[in-house]
N, C-alpha and C. Protein backbone atom coordinates (compact mmCIF):
# COMPACT_ATOMS: atom_id res chain seq x y z
N MET A 1 107.99 -21.54 91.22
CA MET A 1 108.59 -22.46 92.14
C MET A 1 109.86 -21.81 92.68
N SER A 2 110.04 -21.79 93.95
CA SER A 2 111.22 -21.18 94.53
C SER A 2 112.44 -22.04 94.26
N ARG A 3 113.63 -21.43 94.42
CA ARG A 3 114.89 -22.15 94.20
C ARG A 3 114.98 -23.39 95.09
N LYS A 4 114.55 -23.25 96.34
CA LYS A 4 114.65 -24.35 97.29
C LYS A 4 113.88 -25.58 96.82
N TYR A 5 112.78 -25.40 96.13
CA TYR A 5 111.93 -26.50 95.73
C TYR A 5 111.96 -26.75 94.23
N LYS A 6 113.03 -26.42 93.58
CA LYS A 6 113.17 -26.60 92.13
C LYS A 6 113.51 -28.06 91.82
N ILE A 7 112.95 -28.56 90.76
CA ILE A 7 113.27 -29.91 90.30
C ILE A 7 114.59 -29.83 89.54
N ARG A 8 115.60 -30.41 90.12
CA ARG A 8 116.95 -30.32 89.55
C ARG A 8 117.36 -31.59 88.81
N ASN A 9 116.96 -32.74 89.31
CA ASN A 9 117.37 -34.00 88.72
C ASN A 9 116.12 -34.72 88.21
N GLN A 10 115.99 -34.82 86.91
CA GLN A 10 114.80 -35.40 86.29
C GLN A 10 114.67 -36.91 86.55
N ASP A 11 115.75 -37.53 86.99
CA ASP A 11 115.73 -38.97 87.21
C ASP A 11 115.36 -39.37 88.64
N LYS A 12 115.08 -38.40 89.48
CA LYS A 12 114.73 -38.66 90.88
C LYS A 12 113.22 -38.63 91.08
N LEU A 13 112.79 -39.15 92.22
CA LEU A 13 111.39 -39.04 92.63
C LEU A 13 111.24 -37.79 93.49
N TYR A 14 110.04 -37.20 93.44
CA TYR A 14 109.77 -35.97 94.19
C TYR A 14 108.47 -36.10 94.96
N PHE A 15 108.48 -35.54 96.16
CA PHE A 15 107.27 -35.35 96.95
C PHE A 15 106.71 -34.00 96.52
N VAL A 16 105.48 -33.98 96.04
CA VAL A 16 104.88 -32.78 95.47
C VAL A 16 103.51 -32.58 96.09
N THR A 17 103.17 -31.32 96.36
CA THR A 17 101.86 -30.99 96.90
C THR A 17 101.18 -29.96 96.01
N PHE A 18 99.93 -30.21 95.65
CA PHE A 18 99.08 -29.24 94.97
C PHE A 18 98.06 -28.76 96.00
N THR A 19 97.97 -27.44 96.20
CA THR A 19 97.06 -26.89 97.19
C THR A 19 96.11 -25.90 96.53
N VAL A 20 94.82 -26.02 96.80
CA VAL A 20 93.83 -25.08 96.30
C VAL A 20 94.04 -23.74 97.02
N ILE A 21 93.85 -22.63 96.30
CA ILE A 21 94.03 -21.31 96.93
C ILE A 21 93.19 -21.22 98.20
N GLN A 22 93.74 -20.55 99.17
CA GLN A 22 93.09 -20.34 100.48
C GLN A 22 92.61 -21.64 101.12
N TRP A 23 93.20 -22.72 100.73
CA TRP A 23 92.84 -24.04 101.28
C TRP A 23 91.34 -24.31 101.19
N LEU A 24 90.73 -23.90 100.08
CA LEU A 24 89.29 -24.11 99.89
C LEU A 24 88.99 -25.59 99.73
N ASP A 25 87.95 -26.06 100.37
CA ASP A 25 87.57 -27.47 100.35
C ASP A 25 86.78 -27.82 99.08
N VAL A 26 87.46 -27.79 97.95
CA VAL A 26 86.83 -28.08 96.66
C VAL A 26 86.62 -29.58 96.49
N PHE A 27 87.57 -30.38 96.95
CA PHE A 27 87.54 -31.81 96.67
C PHE A 27 86.65 -32.59 97.64
N THR A 28 85.60 -31.95 98.11
CA THR A 28 84.59 -32.68 98.87
C THR A 28 83.58 -33.32 97.91
N ARG A 29 83.61 -32.92 96.66
CA ARG A 29 82.71 -33.46 95.65
C ARG A 29 83.47 -34.40 94.72
N THR A 30 82.88 -35.54 94.44
CA THR A 30 83.50 -36.56 93.60
C THR A 30 83.83 -36.04 92.20
N VAL A 31 82.97 -35.23 91.63
CA VAL A 31 83.18 -34.77 90.26
C VAL A 31 84.51 -34.04 90.11
N TYR A 32 84.92 -33.28 91.09
CA TYR A 32 86.18 -32.53 91.00
C TYR A 32 87.38 -33.44 91.22
N LYS A 33 87.24 -34.42 92.11
CA LYS A 33 88.31 -35.40 92.30
C LYS A 33 88.49 -36.23 91.02
N ASP A 34 87.38 -36.56 90.37
CA ASP A 34 87.45 -37.34 89.13
C ASP A 34 88.18 -36.58 88.02
N ILE A 35 87.99 -35.28 87.95
CA ILE A 35 88.71 -34.48 86.96
C ILE A 35 90.22 -34.57 87.21
N LEU A 36 90.62 -34.44 88.46
CA LEU A 36 92.04 -34.55 88.79
C LEU A 36 92.57 -35.95 88.46
N LEU A 37 91.83 -36.97 88.84
CA LEU A 37 92.27 -38.35 88.56
C LEU A 37 92.36 -38.62 87.06
N ASP A 38 91.36 -38.18 86.29
CA ASP A 38 91.39 -38.38 84.84
C ASP A 38 92.59 -37.67 84.20
N SER A 39 92.90 -36.49 84.70
CA SER A 39 94.03 -35.73 84.17
C SER A 39 95.35 -36.41 84.50
N ILE A 40 95.44 -36.97 85.69
CA ILE A 40 96.65 -37.72 86.07
C ILE A 40 96.80 -38.94 85.16
N ARG A 41 95.70 -39.66 84.93
CA ARG A 41 95.75 -40.83 84.05
C ARG A 41 96.23 -40.43 82.65
N TYR A 42 95.73 -39.32 82.14
CA TYR A 42 96.17 -38.85 80.83
C TYR A 42 97.67 -38.57 80.84
N CYS A 43 98.15 -37.88 81.87
CA CYS A 43 99.59 -37.56 81.95
C CYS A 43 100.44 -38.82 82.10
N GLN A 44 99.91 -39.84 82.74
CA GLN A 44 100.62 -41.11 82.84
C GLN A 44 100.78 -41.74 81.46
N LYS A 45 99.71 -41.71 80.66
CA LYS A 45 99.74 -42.35 79.34
C LYS A 45 100.46 -41.51 78.29
N ALA A 46 100.22 -40.21 78.28
CA ALA A 46 100.70 -39.37 77.19
C ALA A 46 101.97 -38.59 77.48
N LYS A 47 102.30 -38.39 78.75
CA LYS A 47 103.43 -37.52 79.07
C LYS A 47 104.52 -38.19 79.89
N GLY A 48 104.33 -39.45 80.22
CA GLY A 48 105.36 -40.17 80.96
C GLY A 48 105.37 -39.92 82.45
N LEU A 49 104.26 -39.43 83.01
CA LEU A 49 104.18 -39.21 84.45
C LEU A 49 104.12 -40.55 85.17
N GLU A 50 104.93 -40.69 86.21
CA GLU A 50 104.88 -41.87 87.06
C GLU A 50 104.41 -41.44 88.45
N ILE A 51 103.39 -42.09 88.94
CA ILE A 51 102.88 -41.84 90.29
C ILE A 51 103.28 -43.04 91.15
N TRP A 52 103.97 -42.74 92.23
CA TRP A 52 104.40 -43.78 93.17
C TRP A 52 103.51 -43.79 94.41
N ALA A 53 102.91 -42.65 94.71
CA ALA A 53 101.98 -42.55 95.83
C ALA A 53 101.16 -41.28 95.64
N TYR A 54 99.94 -41.28 96.18
CA TYR A 54 99.10 -40.08 96.12
C TYR A 54 98.04 -40.13 97.20
N CYS A 55 97.50 -38.97 97.49
CA CYS A 55 96.34 -38.85 98.37
C CYS A 55 95.67 -37.53 98.05
N ILE A 56 94.39 -37.58 97.71
CA ILE A 56 93.62 -36.37 97.44
C ILE A 56 92.78 -36.07 98.67
N MET A 57 93.10 -34.97 99.32
CA MET A 57 92.34 -34.51 100.48
C MET A 57 91.32 -33.47 100.01
N THR A 58 90.63 -32.81 100.92
CA THR A 58 89.56 -31.89 100.52
C THR A 58 90.08 -30.61 99.87
N ASN A 59 91.30 -30.21 100.19
CA ASN A 59 91.80 -28.93 99.68
C ASN A 59 93.23 -29.00 99.16
N HIS A 60 93.79 -30.19 99.11
CA HIS A 60 95.14 -30.36 98.58
C HIS A 60 95.33 -31.83 98.19
N ALA A 61 96.40 -32.06 97.46
CA ALA A 61 96.76 -33.43 97.08
C ALA A 61 98.26 -33.59 97.19
N HIS A 62 98.68 -34.74 97.71
CA HIS A 62 100.10 -35.06 97.83
C HIS A 62 100.43 -36.17 96.85
N PHE A 63 101.66 -36.11 96.34
CA PHE A 63 102.12 -37.12 95.40
C PHE A 63 103.58 -37.44 95.65
N ILE A 64 103.95 -38.67 95.35
CA ILE A 64 105.33 -39.00 95.06
C ILE A 64 105.32 -39.31 93.58
N MET A 65 106.07 -38.52 92.82
CA MET A 65 106.03 -38.65 91.38
C MET A 65 107.40 -38.54 90.75
N GLY A 66 107.46 -39.06 89.56
CA GLY A 66 108.65 -38.97 88.74
C GLY A 66 108.21 -38.99 87.29
N ARG A 67 109.15 -39.19 86.42
CA ARG A 67 108.78 -39.22 85.01
C ARG A 67 109.55 -40.31 84.30
N ASN A 68 108.97 -40.80 83.22
CA ASN A 68 109.58 -41.81 82.38
C ASN A 68 109.40 -41.33 80.95
N GLY A 69 110.38 -40.64 80.44
CA GLY A 69 110.28 -40.09 79.10
C GLY A 69 111.13 -38.85 78.99
N THR A 70 110.87 -38.07 77.96
CA THR A 70 111.70 -36.91 77.69
C THR A 70 111.13 -35.61 78.25
N MET A 71 109.86 -35.59 78.55
CA MET A 71 109.26 -34.35 79.06
C MET A 71 109.71 -34.10 80.49
N ALA A 72 110.13 -32.88 80.76
CA ALA A 72 110.60 -32.51 82.11
C ALA A 72 109.44 -32.60 83.10
N LEU A 73 109.74 -33.09 84.29
CA LEU A 73 108.71 -33.27 85.31
C LEU A 73 108.02 -31.95 85.64
N GLU A 74 108.77 -30.86 85.73
CA GLU A 74 108.14 -29.58 86.04
C GLU A 74 107.17 -29.14 84.94
N HIS A 75 107.40 -29.56 83.70
CA HIS A 75 106.48 -29.23 82.62
C HIS A 75 105.21 -30.09 82.70
N ILE A 76 105.38 -31.34 83.09
CA ILE A 76 104.21 -32.20 83.29
C ILE A 76 103.35 -31.63 84.42
N ILE A 77 103.99 -31.23 85.52
CA ILE A 77 103.26 -30.65 86.65
C ILE A 77 102.55 -29.37 86.23
N ARG A 78 103.26 -28.51 85.50
CA ARG A 78 102.67 -27.25 85.02
C ARG A 78 101.43 -27.54 84.18
N ASP A 79 101.55 -28.45 83.23
CA ASP A 79 100.42 -28.77 82.35
C ASP A 79 99.27 -29.39 83.12
N LEU A 80 99.58 -30.28 84.04
CA LEU A 80 98.55 -30.94 84.85
C LEU A 80 97.79 -29.92 85.69
N LYS A 81 98.51 -29.03 86.35
CA LYS A 81 97.84 -28.03 87.18
C LYS A 81 97.03 -27.04 86.33
N LYS A 82 97.58 -26.64 85.20
CA LYS A 82 96.87 -25.68 84.33
C LYS A 82 95.58 -26.30 83.80
N PHE A 83 95.66 -27.53 83.31
CA PHE A 83 94.49 -28.19 82.75
C PHE A 83 93.44 -28.46 83.81
N THR A 84 93.86 -29.00 84.95
CA THR A 84 92.88 -29.32 86.00
C THR A 84 92.23 -28.05 86.55
N ALA A 85 93.00 -26.98 86.68
CA ALA A 85 92.42 -25.72 87.16
C ALA A 85 91.29 -25.28 86.23
N LYS A 86 91.57 -25.30 84.94
CA LYS A 86 90.55 -24.87 83.97
C LYS A 86 89.32 -25.78 84.01
N ARG A 87 89.54 -27.08 83.99
CA ARG A 87 88.43 -28.03 83.98
C ARG A 87 87.60 -28.00 85.26
N ILE A 88 88.25 -27.90 86.40
CA ILE A 88 87.52 -27.88 87.68
C ILE A 88 86.71 -26.60 87.80
N VAL A 89 87.28 -25.47 87.42
CA VAL A 89 86.54 -24.21 87.48
C VAL A 89 85.35 -24.26 86.54
N GLU A 90 85.52 -24.81 85.35
CA GLU A 90 84.39 -24.97 84.41
C GLU A 90 83.31 -25.86 85.03
N ALA A 91 83.72 -26.93 85.69
CA ALA A 91 82.75 -27.83 86.32
C ALA A 91 81.98 -27.13 87.44
N ILE A 92 82.68 -26.29 88.19
CA ILE A 92 82.02 -25.52 89.25
C ILE A 92 81.03 -24.53 88.64
N GLU A 93 81.46 -23.85 87.58
CA GLU A 93 80.58 -22.87 86.90
C GLU A 93 79.32 -23.53 86.36
N ASN A 94 79.46 -24.76 85.87
CA ASN A 94 78.33 -25.43 85.20
C ASN A 94 77.57 -26.40 86.09
N ASN A 95 77.83 -26.36 87.39
CA ASN A 95 77.17 -27.28 88.31
C ASN A 95 76.10 -26.52 89.10
N PRO A 96 74.83 -26.64 88.69
CA PRO A 96 73.77 -25.90 89.38
C PRO A 96 73.55 -26.36 90.83
N GLN A 97 74.02 -27.57 91.16
CA GLN A 97 73.89 -28.05 92.53
C GLN A 97 75.03 -27.60 93.44
N GLU A 98 76.02 -26.91 92.88
CA GLU A 98 77.17 -26.47 93.69
C GLU A 98 76.77 -25.25 94.52
N SER A 99 76.50 -25.48 95.79
CA SER A 99 76.04 -24.41 96.68
C SER A 99 77.11 -23.36 96.94
N ARG A 100 78.36 -23.71 96.70
CA ARG A 100 79.46 -22.78 96.97
C ARG A 100 79.98 -22.11 95.70
N ARG A 101 79.26 -22.26 94.62
CA ARG A 101 79.71 -21.81 93.31
C ARG A 101 80.11 -20.34 93.29
N GLU A 102 79.24 -19.46 93.71
CA GLU A 102 79.53 -18.02 93.64
C GLU A 102 80.73 -17.64 94.50
N LEU A 103 80.81 -18.20 95.68
CA LEU A 103 81.94 -17.92 96.57
C LEU A 103 83.25 -18.41 95.94
N PHE A 104 83.26 -19.66 95.47
CA PHE A 104 84.47 -20.20 94.85
C PHE A 104 84.91 -19.35 93.67
N LEU A 105 83.99 -19.04 92.77
CA LEU A 105 84.34 -18.29 91.56
C LEU A 105 84.86 -16.90 91.92
N TRP A 106 84.24 -16.27 92.89
CA TRP A 106 84.70 -14.94 93.32
C TRP A 106 86.13 -15.02 93.87
N LEU A 107 86.41 -16.03 94.69
CA LEU A 107 87.75 -16.19 95.27
C LEU A 107 88.78 -16.55 94.20
N PHE A 108 88.42 -17.41 93.23
CA PHE A 108 89.34 -17.75 92.15
C PHE A 108 89.67 -16.52 91.31
N ARG A 109 88.65 -15.72 91.01
CA ARG A 109 88.89 -14.51 90.21
C ARG A 109 89.72 -13.49 90.98
N LYS A 110 89.42 -13.34 92.25
CA LYS A 110 90.18 -12.40 93.08
C LYS A 110 91.65 -12.80 93.14
N ALA A 111 91.91 -14.07 93.35
CA ALA A 111 93.30 -14.55 93.40
C ALA A 111 93.98 -14.37 92.04
N GLY A 112 93.27 -14.63 90.96
CA GLY A 112 93.84 -14.48 89.62
C GLY A 112 94.14 -13.04 89.27
N LYS A 113 93.32 -12.15 89.76
CA LYS A 113 93.50 -10.71 89.48
C LYS A 113 94.82 -10.20 90.04
N TYR A 114 95.23 -10.74 91.17
CA TYR A 114 96.44 -10.26 91.83
C TYR A 114 97.67 -11.12 91.53
N ASN A 115 97.55 -12.06 90.61
CA ASN A 115 98.68 -12.90 90.26
C ASN A 115 98.98 -12.71 88.77
N PRO A 116 100.11 -12.09 88.43
CA PRO A 116 100.43 -11.84 87.03
C PRO A 116 100.68 -13.10 86.21
N ASN A 117 100.82 -14.25 86.86
CA ASN A 117 101.05 -15.50 86.14
C ASN A 117 99.76 -16.12 85.61
N ASN A 118 98.60 -15.53 85.93
CA ASN A 118 97.31 -16.06 85.50
C ASN A 118 96.61 -15.06 84.59
N GLU A 119 95.69 -15.59 83.79
CA GLU A 119 94.90 -14.72 82.92
C GLU A 119 93.73 -14.11 83.68
N ASN A 120 92.88 -14.95 84.25
CA ASN A 120 91.69 -14.46 84.94
C ASN A 120 91.47 -15.10 86.30
N ILE A 121 91.81 -16.34 86.40
CA ILE A 121 91.50 -17.08 87.63
C ILE A 121 92.76 -17.76 88.16
N GLN A 122 92.70 -18.10 89.42
CA GLN A 122 93.74 -18.94 90.01
C GLN A 122 93.05 -19.97 90.88
N PHE A 123 93.27 -21.22 90.56
CA PHE A 123 92.69 -22.32 91.32
C PHE A 123 93.71 -22.89 92.30
N TRP A 124 94.90 -23.24 91.79
CA TRP A 124 95.96 -23.80 92.61
C TRP A 124 96.87 -22.71 93.14
N GLN A 125 97.39 -22.90 94.34
CA GLN A 125 98.43 -22.00 94.83
C GLN A 125 99.66 -22.13 93.94
N GLN A 126 100.47 -21.07 93.88
CA GLN A 126 101.70 -21.10 93.10
C GLN A 126 102.62 -22.18 93.65
N GLY A 127 103.36 -22.78 92.76
CA GLY A 127 104.36 -23.77 93.14
C GLY A 127 103.75 -25.09 93.56
N SER A 128 104.61 -26.06 93.72
CA SER A 128 104.17 -27.40 94.11
C SER A 128 105.04 -27.98 95.21
N HIS A 129 105.91 -27.17 95.77
CA HIS A 129 106.74 -27.57 96.91
C HIS A 129 107.43 -28.91 96.63
N ALA A 130 108.10 -29.01 95.48
CA ALA A 130 108.74 -30.26 95.08
C ALA A 130 109.98 -30.52 95.92
N VAL A 131 110.00 -31.66 96.62
CA VAL A 131 111.12 -32.06 97.46
C VAL A 131 111.71 -33.34 96.88
N GLU A 132 112.97 -33.28 96.49
CA GLU A 132 113.64 -34.47 95.96
C GLU A 132 113.80 -35.51 97.07
N LEU A 133 113.42 -36.73 96.75
CA LEU A 133 113.51 -37.82 97.72
C LEU A 133 114.81 -38.57 97.45
N SER A 134 115.87 -38.09 98.05
CA SER A 134 117.22 -38.57 97.73
C SER A 134 117.68 -39.75 98.57
N THR A 135 116.91 -40.11 99.61
CA THR A 135 117.28 -41.26 100.43
C THR A 135 116.06 -42.15 100.65
N ASN A 136 116.31 -43.40 100.99
CA ASN A 136 115.20 -44.31 101.29
C ASN A 136 114.42 -43.84 102.51
N HIS A 137 115.12 -43.25 103.48
CA HIS A 137 114.44 -42.73 104.67
C HIS A 137 113.44 -41.63 104.29
N MET A 138 113.87 -40.71 103.43
CA MET A 138 112.96 -39.63 102.98
C MET A 138 111.77 -40.21 102.23
N LEU A 139 112.02 -41.19 101.38
CA LEU A 139 110.96 -41.83 100.61
C LEU A 139 109.95 -42.51 101.53
N ASP A 140 110.44 -43.29 102.48
CA ASP A 140 109.55 -43.98 103.43
C ASP A 140 108.76 -42.98 104.28
N GLN A 141 109.43 -41.92 104.71
CA GLN A 141 108.79 -40.90 105.54
C GLN A 141 107.64 -40.24 104.79
N ARG A 142 107.87 -39.85 103.53
CA ARG A 142 106.83 -39.18 102.75
C ARG A 142 105.70 -40.14 102.39
N LEU A 143 106.04 -41.39 102.10
CA LEU A 143 105.02 -42.39 101.80
C LEU A 143 104.08 -42.56 103.00
N ASP A 144 104.64 -42.69 104.18
CA ASP A 144 103.82 -42.80 105.40
C ASP A 144 103.00 -41.54 105.62
N TYR A 145 103.61 -40.39 105.42
CA TYR A 145 102.90 -39.11 105.59
C TYR A 145 101.69 -39.04 104.66
N ILE A 146 101.90 -39.35 103.38
CA ILE A 146 100.82 -39.29 102.40
C ILE A 146 99.68 -40.23 102.80
N HIS A 147 100.02 -41.47 103.10
CA HIS A 147 98.98 -42.46 103.37
C HIS A 147 98.28 -42.24 104.71
N ASN A 148 98.94 -41.61 105.65
CA ASN A 148 98.32 -41.35 106.95
C ASN A 148 97.60 -40.01 107.02
N ASN A 149 97.64 -39.21 105.96
CA ASN A 149 96.97 -37.92 105.95
C ASN A 149 95.47 -38.04 106.28
N PRO A 150 94.72 -38.94 105.65
CA PRO A 150 93.29 -39.06 105.98
C PRO A 150 93.03 -39.62 107.38
N VAL A 151 93.97 -40.40 107.90
CA VAL A 151 93.84 -40.92 109.26
C VAL A 151 94.00 -39.76 110.25
N LYS A 152 95.03 -38.96 110.06
CA LYS A 152 95.26 -37.81 110.95
C LYS A 152 94.12 -36.79 110.86
N ALA A 153 93.48 -36.70 109.70
CA ALA A 153 92.36 -35.78 109.53
C ALA A 153 91.06 -36.34 110.12
N GLY A 154 91.09 -37.60 110.58
CA GLY A 154 89.91 -38.20 111.20
C GLY A 154 88.88 -38.69 110.20
N ILE A 155 89.29 -38.89 108.95
CA ILE A 155 88.35 -39.34 107.91
C ILE A 155 88.17 -40.85 107.95
N VAL A 156 89.28 -41.56 108.19
CA VAL A 156 89.26 -43.02 108.25
C VAL A 156 90.12 -43.48 109.43
N LEU A 157 89.94 -44.74 109.81
CA LEU A 157 90.75 -45.29 110.90
C LEU A 157 92.04 -45.92 110.40
N SER A 158 92.04 -46.31 109.14
CA SER A 158 93.19 -46.99 108.57
C SER A 158 93.43 -46.45 107.15
N PRO A 159 94.68 -46.24 106.76
CA PRO A 159 94.97 -45.62 105.45
C PRO A 159 94.32 -46.31 104.26
N GLU A 160 94.28 -47.65 104.27
CA GLU A 160 93.74 -48.36 103.11
C GLU A 160 92.22 -48.25 102.98
N HIS A 161 91.56 -47.63 103.95
CA HIS A 161 90.12 -47.42 103.87
C HIS A 161 89.75 -46.12 103.16
N TYR A 162 90.75 -45.33 102.79
CA TYR A 162 90.48 -44.06 102.11
C TYR A 162 90.58 -44.28 100.61
N LEU A 163 89.48 -44.10 99.90
CA LEU A 163 89.39 -44.42 98.47
C LEU A 163 90.35 -43.60 97.62
N TYR A 164 90.58 -42.34 97.95
CA TYR A 164 91.36 -41.44 97.11
C TYR A 164 92.83 -41.40 97.53
N SER A 165 93.39 -42.59 97.71
CA SER A 165 94.77 -42.71 98.15
C SER A 165 95.39 -43.98 97.59
N SER A 166 96.69 -43.93 97.35
CA SER A 166 97.40 -45.12 96.88
C SER A 166 97.61 -46.13 97.99
N ALA A 167 97.21 -45.83 99.21
CA ALA A 167 97.30 -46.83 100.29
C ALA A 167 96.53 -48.08 99.90
N ILE A 168 95.49 -47.92 99.11
CA ILE A 168 94.71 -49.06 98.60
C ILE A 168 95.60 -49.94 97.72
N ASN A 169 96.38 -49.31 96.85
CA ASN A 169 97.27 -50.05 95.96
C ASN A 169 98.30 -50.84 96.78
N TYR A 170 98.88 -50.17 97.79
CA TYR A 170 99.91 -50.80 98.60
C TYR A 170 99.34 -51.94 99.46
N ALA A 171 98.05 -51.86 99.78
CA ALA A 171 97.40 -52.92 100.55
C ALA A 171 96.95 -54.08 99.65
N GLY A 172 97.06 -53.89 98.32
CA GLY A 172 96.67 -54.94 97.38
C GLY A 172 95.17 -55.08 97.19
N LEU A 173 94.41 -54.03 97.52
CA LEU A 173 92.96 -54.08 97.38
C LEU A 173 92.54 -53.77 95.94
N PRO A 174 91.41 -54.30 95.49
CA PRO A 174 91.00 -54.12 94.09
C PRO A 174 90.36 -52.76 93.78
N GLU A 175 90.04 -51.97 94.78
CA GLU A 175 89.29 -50.72 94.56
C GLU A 175 90.15 -49.56 94.06
N LYS A 176 91.38 -49.78 93.74
CA LYS A 176 92.30 -48.70 93.37
C LYS A 176 91.76 -47.84 92.23
N LEU A 177 92.01 -46.53 92.34
CA LEU A 177 91.54 -45.57 91.34
C LEU A 177 92.60 -45.19 90.33
N LEU A 178 93.86 -45.28 90.72
CA LEU A 178 95.00 -44.96 89.84
C LEU A 178 95.99 -46.11 89.87
N ASP A 179 96.64 -46.33 88.75
CA ASP A 179 97.76 -47.25 88.75
C ASP A 179 98.97 -46.50 89.30
N VAL A 180 99.68 -47.12 90.21
CA VAL A 180 100.88 -46.51 90.78
C VAL A 180 102.03 -47.51 90.68
N MET A 181 103.23 -46.97 90.71
CA MET A 181 104.44 -47.77 90.79
C MET A 181 104.67 -48.04 92.28
N LEU A 182 104.75 -49.27 92.67
CA LEU A 182 104.95 -49.58 94.09
C LEU A 182 106.42 -49.46 94.46
N ILE A 183 106.65 -48.88 95.62
CA ILE A 183 108.02 -48.66 96.10
C ILE A 183 108.52 -49.95 96.71
């Protein structure tokens, strides 16, 4: 994580982005999104992760997150990314219906080979571009950005119609996939 995007104040909320290497469209399959969601749920229960907003797109995910506990937010993010990378790559390896399996695995291995921070593979791009949300204006701006991401991508007409987003929670709909703290 670069100095500019370092988590400095553990008591603040942060806008964070996880991006798949080369912007690969991995999250077009439900099984991979479910791995990410299950891992987030675990971190919420076991590590004190608080999610205030999220949206999982095909090749990246945006969050407004904080923490409630003693574990540093950057350590929660590190663990979440490390675990999900391993689990998603395993799921790709073991999915005979994954038509992009060989290409994905080759690209993950190639990226891992040239990154000394990895053992063999790299799934997520380095860093999480953590931006401290120090004002209500910044918080509102990022919340709108996250929820309107699928609208701008042409996936849905309205933010609350996208299943993999906290816009559902904010609209009060029952289909929510993650519990979030409402702003």
